Protein backbone atom coordinates (compact mmCIF):
# COMPACT_ATOMS: atom_id res chain seq x y z
CA MET A 1 96.86 1.01 -93.02
CA ILE A 2 96.62 2.19 -90.07
CA GLU A 3 92.87 3.67 -90.32
CA ARG A 4 91.67 0.12 -91.94
CA VAL A 5 92.76 -1.28 -88.98
CA ARG A 6 90.84 0.80 -86.57
CA GLY A 7 87.86 0.55 -88.60
CA LEU A 8 87.82 -3.55 -88.27
CA ALA A 9 84.88 -4.79 -86.16
CA PHE A 10 86.35 -6.45 -83.07
CA PRO A 11 85.91 -9.96 -83.99
CA ASP A 12 87.59 -9.41 -87.86
CA ALA A 13 90.18 -7.59 -85.46
CA LEU A 14 90.58 -11.20 -83.22
CA GLY A 15 90.46 -13.38 -86.11
CA LEU A 16 93.79 -11.54 -88.19
CA THR A 17 95.40 -11.56 -84.60
CA ALA A 18 94.46 -15.16 -84.48
CA ALA A 19 95.56 -15.97 -87.86
CA GLY A 20 98.77 -14.47 -87.49
CA LEU A 21 99.53 -16.34 -83.75
CA ALA A 22 98.82 -19.69 -85.93
CA ALA A 23 101.07 -18.40 -88.78
CA ALA A 24 104.09 -17.56 -86.42
CA GLY A 25 103.34 -20.77 -84.34
CA LEU A 26 103.76 -22.83 -87.55
CA ILE A 27 107.22 -21.12 -88.53
CA VAL A 28 107.90 -21.84 -84.55
CA THR A 29 107.31 -25.21 -84.97
CA GLY A 30 108.88 -25.89 -87.77
CA ASP A 31 112.32 -24.08 -86.25
CA GLY A 32 111.88 -26.49 -83.62
CA LEU A 33 111.62 -29.54 -85.54
CA VAL A 34 114.98 -28.59 -87.61
CA ALA A 35 116.46 -27.45 -84.31
CA ALA A 36 115.88 -31.19 -82.67
CA ALA A 37 117.42 -32.76 -85.59
CA ARG A 38 120.47 -31.25 -85.15
CA ALA A 39 120.36 -30.91 -81.54
CA THR A 40 123.02 -34.12 -80.98
CA PRO A 41 126.52 -33.44 -82.53
CA GLY A 42 126.99 -36.33 -85.37
CA SER A 43 123.56 -37.14 -86.51
CA SER A 44 124.06 -36.15 -89.78
CA ASP A 45 125.88 -39.61 -90.64
CA MET A 46 123.14 -41.22 -89.05
CA THR A 47 120.77 -43.57 -90.81
CA TRP A 48 117.19 -42.27 -91.30
CA SER A 49 115.54 -43.97 -88.91
CA ASP A 50 117.82 -42.76 -86.10
CA ARG A 51 117.46 -39.54 -86.77
CA LEU A 52 113.90 -39.50 -86.95
CA LEU A 53 113.92 -41.38 -84.02
CA LEU A 54 116.54 -38.77 -82.26
CA GLY A 55 114.15 -35.66 -83.30
CA LEU A 56 111.88 -36.91 -82.32
CA TRP A 57 113.10 -37.71 -78.79
CA ASN A 58 115.12 -34.32 -78.07
CA PHE A 59 111.51 -32.51 -79.97
CA ARG A 60 109.82 -30.59 -77.30
CA LEU A 61 105.89 -29.87 -78.17
CA GLU A 62 105.90 -26.59 -76.39
CA HIS A 63 107.01 -25.16 -79.94
CA THR A 64 102.89 -26.03 -80.83
CA LEU A 65 101.80 -23.19 -78.04
CA TRP A 66 101.80 -20.38 -80.16
CA PHE A 67 100.01 -22.41 -82.67
CA THR A 68 97.66 -23.75 -80.15
CA PHE A 69 97.06 -20.03 -78.47
CA GLY A 70 95.80 -18.85 -82.27
CA LEU A 71 94.26 -21.95 -83.18
CA LEU A 72 92.00 -21.43 -79.84
CA LEU A 73 91.38 -17.61 -80.62
CA LEU A 74 91.13 -18.51 -84.07
CA TRP A 75 87.81 -20.69 -83.10
CA ALA A 76 86.77 -17.68 -80.79
CA ALA A 77 86.56 -15.09 -83.50
CA LEU A 78 84.55 -17.25 -85.40
CA GLY A 79 82.06 -17.86 -83.06
CA LEU A 80 81.36 -14.02 -82.18
CA GLY A 81 80.66 -13.38 -86.00
CA ALA A 82 84.50 -12.70 -88.12
CA THR A 83 84.56 -12.74 -91.55
CA LEU A 84 87.84 -12.20 -92.68
CA ALA A 85 86.79 -10.62 -95.64
CA GLY A 86 84.76 -12.84 -96.94
CA ARG A 87 88.16 -15.21 -95.72
CA ALA A 88 86.54 -17.12 -92.97
CA GLU A 89 85.08 -20.82 -93.95
CA GLN A 90 88.93 -21.26 -96.24
CA ALA A 91 90.59 -19.91 -92.71
CA ALA A 92 88.57 -22.60 -90.49
CA ARG A 93 89.10 -25.34 -92.68
CA ILE A 94 92.77 -24.77 -92.97
CA ALA A 95 93.54 -23.87 -89.46
CA GLY A 96 91.38 -27.14 -88.88
CA GLY A 97 93.69 -29.17 -91.00
CA VAL A 98 96.21 -28.18 -89.85
CA ALA A 99 95.19 -28.54 -86.22
CA ILE A 100 94.70 -32.41 -87.05
CA GLY A 101 98.22 -32.80 -88.94
CA PHE A 102 99.59 -31.24 -85.30
CA VAL A 103 97.40 -34.18 -83.54
CA LEU A 104 99.91 -36.77 -85.73
CA LEU A 105 102.88 -35.42 -85.03
CA ALA A 106 102.04 -35.40 -81.59
CA ALA A 107 101.09 -38.94 -81.69
CA ALA A 108 104.45 -39.61 -83.78
CA VAL A 109 106.54 -37.62 -80.48
CA VAL A 110 105.06 -39.72 -78.25
CA LEU A 111 105.78 -43.11 -80.51
CA GLY A 112 109.51 -42.16 -81.31
CA SER A 113 109.86 -41.35 -77.38
CA THR A 114 108.45 -44.42 -76.28
CA ILE A 115 110.75 -46.13 -78.30
CA VAL A 116 114.09 -44.80 -77.36
CA ALA A 117 112.52 -44.70 -73.38
CA ILE A 118 112.63 -48.74 -74.25
CA THR A 119 115.24 -49.40 -76.28
CA GLY A 120 117.65 -46.91 -74.29
CA SER A 121 119.42 -45.90 -76.81
CA VAL A 122 119.57 -44.41 -80.62
CA GLY A 123 122.45 -45.70 -83.08
CA SER A 124 124.81 -47.88 -83.24
CA GLY A 125 128.72 -48.51 -82.47
CA PRO A 126 130.19 -44.67 -82.34
CA LEU A 127 127.04 -42.94 -83.28
CA GLU A 128 125.16 -44.33 -80.26
CA VAL A 129 123.31 -41.97 -77.99
CA ARG A 130 122.56 -43.43 -74.66
CA PRO A 131 119.91 -41.41 -72.52
CA SER A 132 120.70 -42.05 -69.21
CA GLY A 133 118.17 -43.89 -66.74
CA GLU A 134 116.28 -40.71 -65.21
CA ALA A 135 116.69 -39.00 -68.47
CA ARG A 136 114.57 -41.80 -70.50
CA VAL A 137 111.43 -41.42 -67.65
CA PHE A 138 111.20 -38.05 -67.21
CA THR A 139 111.73 -37.07 -70.92
CA TRP A 140 109.02 -39.41 -71.98
CA LEU A 141 107.03 -38.15 -69.23
CA LEU A 142 107.29 -34.91 -70.42
CA GLN A 143 106.08 -35.77 -74.49
CA ALA A 144 103.29 -38.18 -73.42
CA SER A 145 101.68 -35.44 -70.61
CA SER A 146 102.19 -32.54 -73.32
CA ALA A 147 100.98 -34.52 -76.36
CA ALA A 148 97.41 -35.76 -74.52
CA ALA A 149 96.91 -32.02 -73.32
CA LEU A 150 97.87 -30.60 -76.71
CA SER A 151 95.90 -33.38 -78.83
CA VAL A 152 92.68 -32.80 -76.72
CA ALA A 153 92.65 -28.89 -77.37
CA TRP A 154 93.51 -29.41 -81.55
CA LEU A 155 91.15 -32.29 -82.08
CA ILE A 156 88.29 -30.16 -80.51
CA ALA A 157 88.94 -27.03 -82.05
CA GLY A 158 90.05 -28.24 -85.15
CA ALA A 159 87.04 -30.83 -85.45
CA ARG A 160 84.54 -27.31 -84.99
CA LEU A 161 86.52 -25.27 -86.74
CA GLY A 162 86.07 -28.43 -89.93
CA GLU A 163 82.30 -28.56 -89.09
CA ARG A 164 81.02 -24.97 -88.74
CA PHE A 165 81.07 -24.50 -92.76
CA ALA A 166 80.50 -28.27 -93.10
CA VAL A 167 76.72 -28.12 -92.01
CA ALA A 168 75.92 -24.78 -93.67
CA ASP A 169 77.26 -25.88 -96.92
CA ALA A 170 75.62 -29.32 -96.75
CA THR A 171 71.80 -26.98 -95.97
CA PRO A 172 71.01 -25.25 -99.02
CA SER A 173 72.15 -28.39 -101.10
CA VAL A 174 69.17 -30.86 -99.27
CA ARG A 175 66.97 -27.82 -100.24
CA ALA A 176 67.54 -27.47 -103.51
CA THR A 177 66.98 -31.32 -103.73
CA GLU A 178 63.48 -30.57 -102.69
CA PRO A 179 60.63 -30.28 -105.14
CA GLY A 180 58.92 -26.76 -105.02
CA PRO A 181 55.93 -26.05 -104.86
CA GLU A 182 55.30 -25.25 -108.61
CA GLN A 183 56.83 -28.90 -109.75
CA ASP A 184 56.82 -32.19 -108.99
CA ASP A 185 59.18 -35.93 -108.76
CA GLY A 186 59.35 -36.75 -112.33
CA LEU A 187 58.38 -34.11 -114.33
CA GLU A 188 59.95 -31.50 -116.38
CA ASP A 189 59.09 -28.34 -115.77
CA LEU A 190 57.61 -26.56 -118.89
CA SER A 191 58.52 -23.52 -120.31
CA GLU A 192 55.33 -22.50 -121.24
CA PRO A 193 51.90 -22.93 -119.85
CA PRO A 194 49.42 -25.20 -121.82
CA ALA A 195 46.75 -23.71 -123.23
CA PRO A 196 43.35 -23.11 -120.94
CA PRO A 197 40.63 -25.67 -122.34
CA PRO A 198 37.88 -24.13 -124.13
CA VAL A 199 35.09 -22.63 -122.27
CA VAL A 200 31.46 -24.34 -123.00
CA PRO A 201 28.40 -22.47 -122.36
CA LEU A 202 26.37 -23.64 -120.40
CA PRO A 203 22.06 -24.05 -121.14
CA GLU A 204 20.25 -22.08 -119.54
CA ARG A 205 18.18 -23.77 -116.72
CA ALA A 206 14.73 -22.16 -115.20
CA PRO A 207 15.15 -21.13 -111.27
CA PRO A 208 14.68 -23.77 -108.96
CA PRO A 209 11.86 -22.86 -106.79
CA PRO A 210 11.89 -21.25 -103.59
CA VAL A 211 12.92 -23.64 -100.57
CA THR A 212 10.86 -23.03 -97.52
CA VAL A 213 13.12 -22.85 -94.65
CA ALA A 214 11.57 -24.72 -91.77
CA PRO A 215 12.32 -23.07 -88.33
CA PRO A 216 15.17 -24.79 -86.03
CA LEU A 217 13.84 -27.37 -83.20
CA PRO A 218 14.46 -27.03 -79.96
CA PRO A 219 17.72 -28.72 -78.98
CA ALA A 220 16.63 -32.06 -77.31
CA THR A 221 17.77 -32.45 -73.93
CA ALA A 222 20.43 -35.92 -74.13
CA PRO A 223 18.42 -38.44 -72.49
CA VAL A 224 19.97 -39.93 -68.89
CA PRO A 225 21.10 -43.46 -69.07
CA ALA A 226 19.29 -45.21 -66.87
CA THR A 227 21.64 -48.33 -66.97
CA LEU A 228 25.29 -48.68 -66.19
CA ALA A 229 26.41 -49.32 -69.57
CA GLY A 230 24.43 -46.00 -70.82
CA ARG A 231 26.58 -43.60 -68.58
CA ALA A 232 29.88 -45.71 -69.29
CA GLN A 233 28.34 -45.47 -73.16
CA ARG A 234 27.95 -41.38 -72.38
CA VAL A 235 31.51 -41.19 -70.82
CA PHE A 236 33.36 -42.29 -73.71
CA GLN A 237 31.74 -39.96 -75.88
CA GLU A 238 32.06 -37.11 -73.75
CA ARG A 239 35.93 -38.10 -72.99
CA LEU A 240 37.51 -41.20 -74.49
CA ALA A 241 36.26 -41.32 -78.03
CA TYR A 242 39.29 -39.55 -79.14
CA SER A 243 41.35 -40.29 -76.49
CA PRO A 244 44.74 -42.68 -76.96
CA ASN A 245 42.65 -44.82 -74.30
CA ARG A 246 39.45 -45.60 -76.48
CA GLU A 247 40.76 -48.99 -77.68
CA GLU A 248 40.28 -49.53 -74.05
CA ALA A 249 37.64 -47.98 -72.95
CA ARG A 250 35.87 -49.69 -76.09
CA ARG A 251 36.63 -53.46 -75.01
CA LEU A 252 35.64 -52.30 -70.86
CA LEU A 253 32.13 -51.40 -72.98
CA ASP A 254 31.98 -54.77 -74.71
CA GLU A 255 32.57 -56.63 -71.45
CA LEU A 256 30.16 -54.02 -69.43
CA GLY A 257 27.38 -55.26 -71.96
CA ARG A 258 27.64 -58.62 -71.22
CA ALA A 259 27.57 -58.37 -67.99
CA GLU A 260 24.69 -56.78 -67.64
CA GLN A 261 23.04 -58.98 -69.76
CA GLU A 262 24.01 -61.70 -67.55
CA GLY A 263 23.05 -60.32 -64.57
CA ARG A 264 26.57 -59.80 -63.14
CA ARG A 265 25.98 -56.06 -60.99
CA GLY A 266 29.06 -56.43 -59.40
CA ASP A 267 31.07 -56.85 -62.39
CA ALA A 268 29.72 -54.15 -63.97
CA GLU A 269 30.23 -52.14 -61.63
CA GLN A 270 33.97 -52.38 -61.45
CA LEU A 271 34.23 -52.21 -64.95
CA ALA A 272 32.23 -49.47 -65.17
CA SER A 273 34.19 -47.18 -62.59
CA ARG A 274 37.22 -48.11 -64.73
CA ILE A 275 36.16 -46.84 -67.72
CA GLU A 276 35.31 -43.73 -65.45
CA HIS A 277 38.89 -43.40 -64.71
CA LEU A 278 40.21 -43.43 -67.57
């Protein structure tokens, strides 16, 4: 047994330690709940609602610290790659579910403590328990602050542990629904490939006459545009034909052509400058 423990990787050893601490924390929390219900003599003769309020009033959330410490260690161990002998997914989901349950327990403790602090007593007649004013204030503050701080840790760790394997489980199912390269949507996969079509021989044809290839002509030099519209057209073809501003450039070209035709030299120069700056 000792040799097997020594052979464990650090993440797995940390994960097993965390699982043990979390299990011990559950036992300590259960013992604290039982002790809180029996803390007041004669509480067993009260009604169930009064016993519940009194138990929530007497219970201290400090009993859950062992579980909280184990939960955080388990989160860290799984983040380091602990497998827990193939039970990492089950451990993460169980710990996340119990953490959410502890959040509900903290909410119940705060609710019960608030009712007792406001009413000032639990029970009636000879079984009535009436805490002092100072005890009501400080006990409620202790319960509320402890519940708020611990609930944040439980919510974050529990939610992240639950999501850790949910995303991994959803990815293969999505990939399985995607059509592969060899099958299309709505078509059944055929067990046997279709028979190839019969080969039809092509009639013999005479060889084509040789083609005389003319020597390539020297590249013509693009004429330099003499007008503003020609210069703007060259800028459009070189830079703007495939740019995001091609529609704006095309509109400006049309306006530039009309301005030159109408003899508006100043407007044409402004439009050419705008095209060059696009």
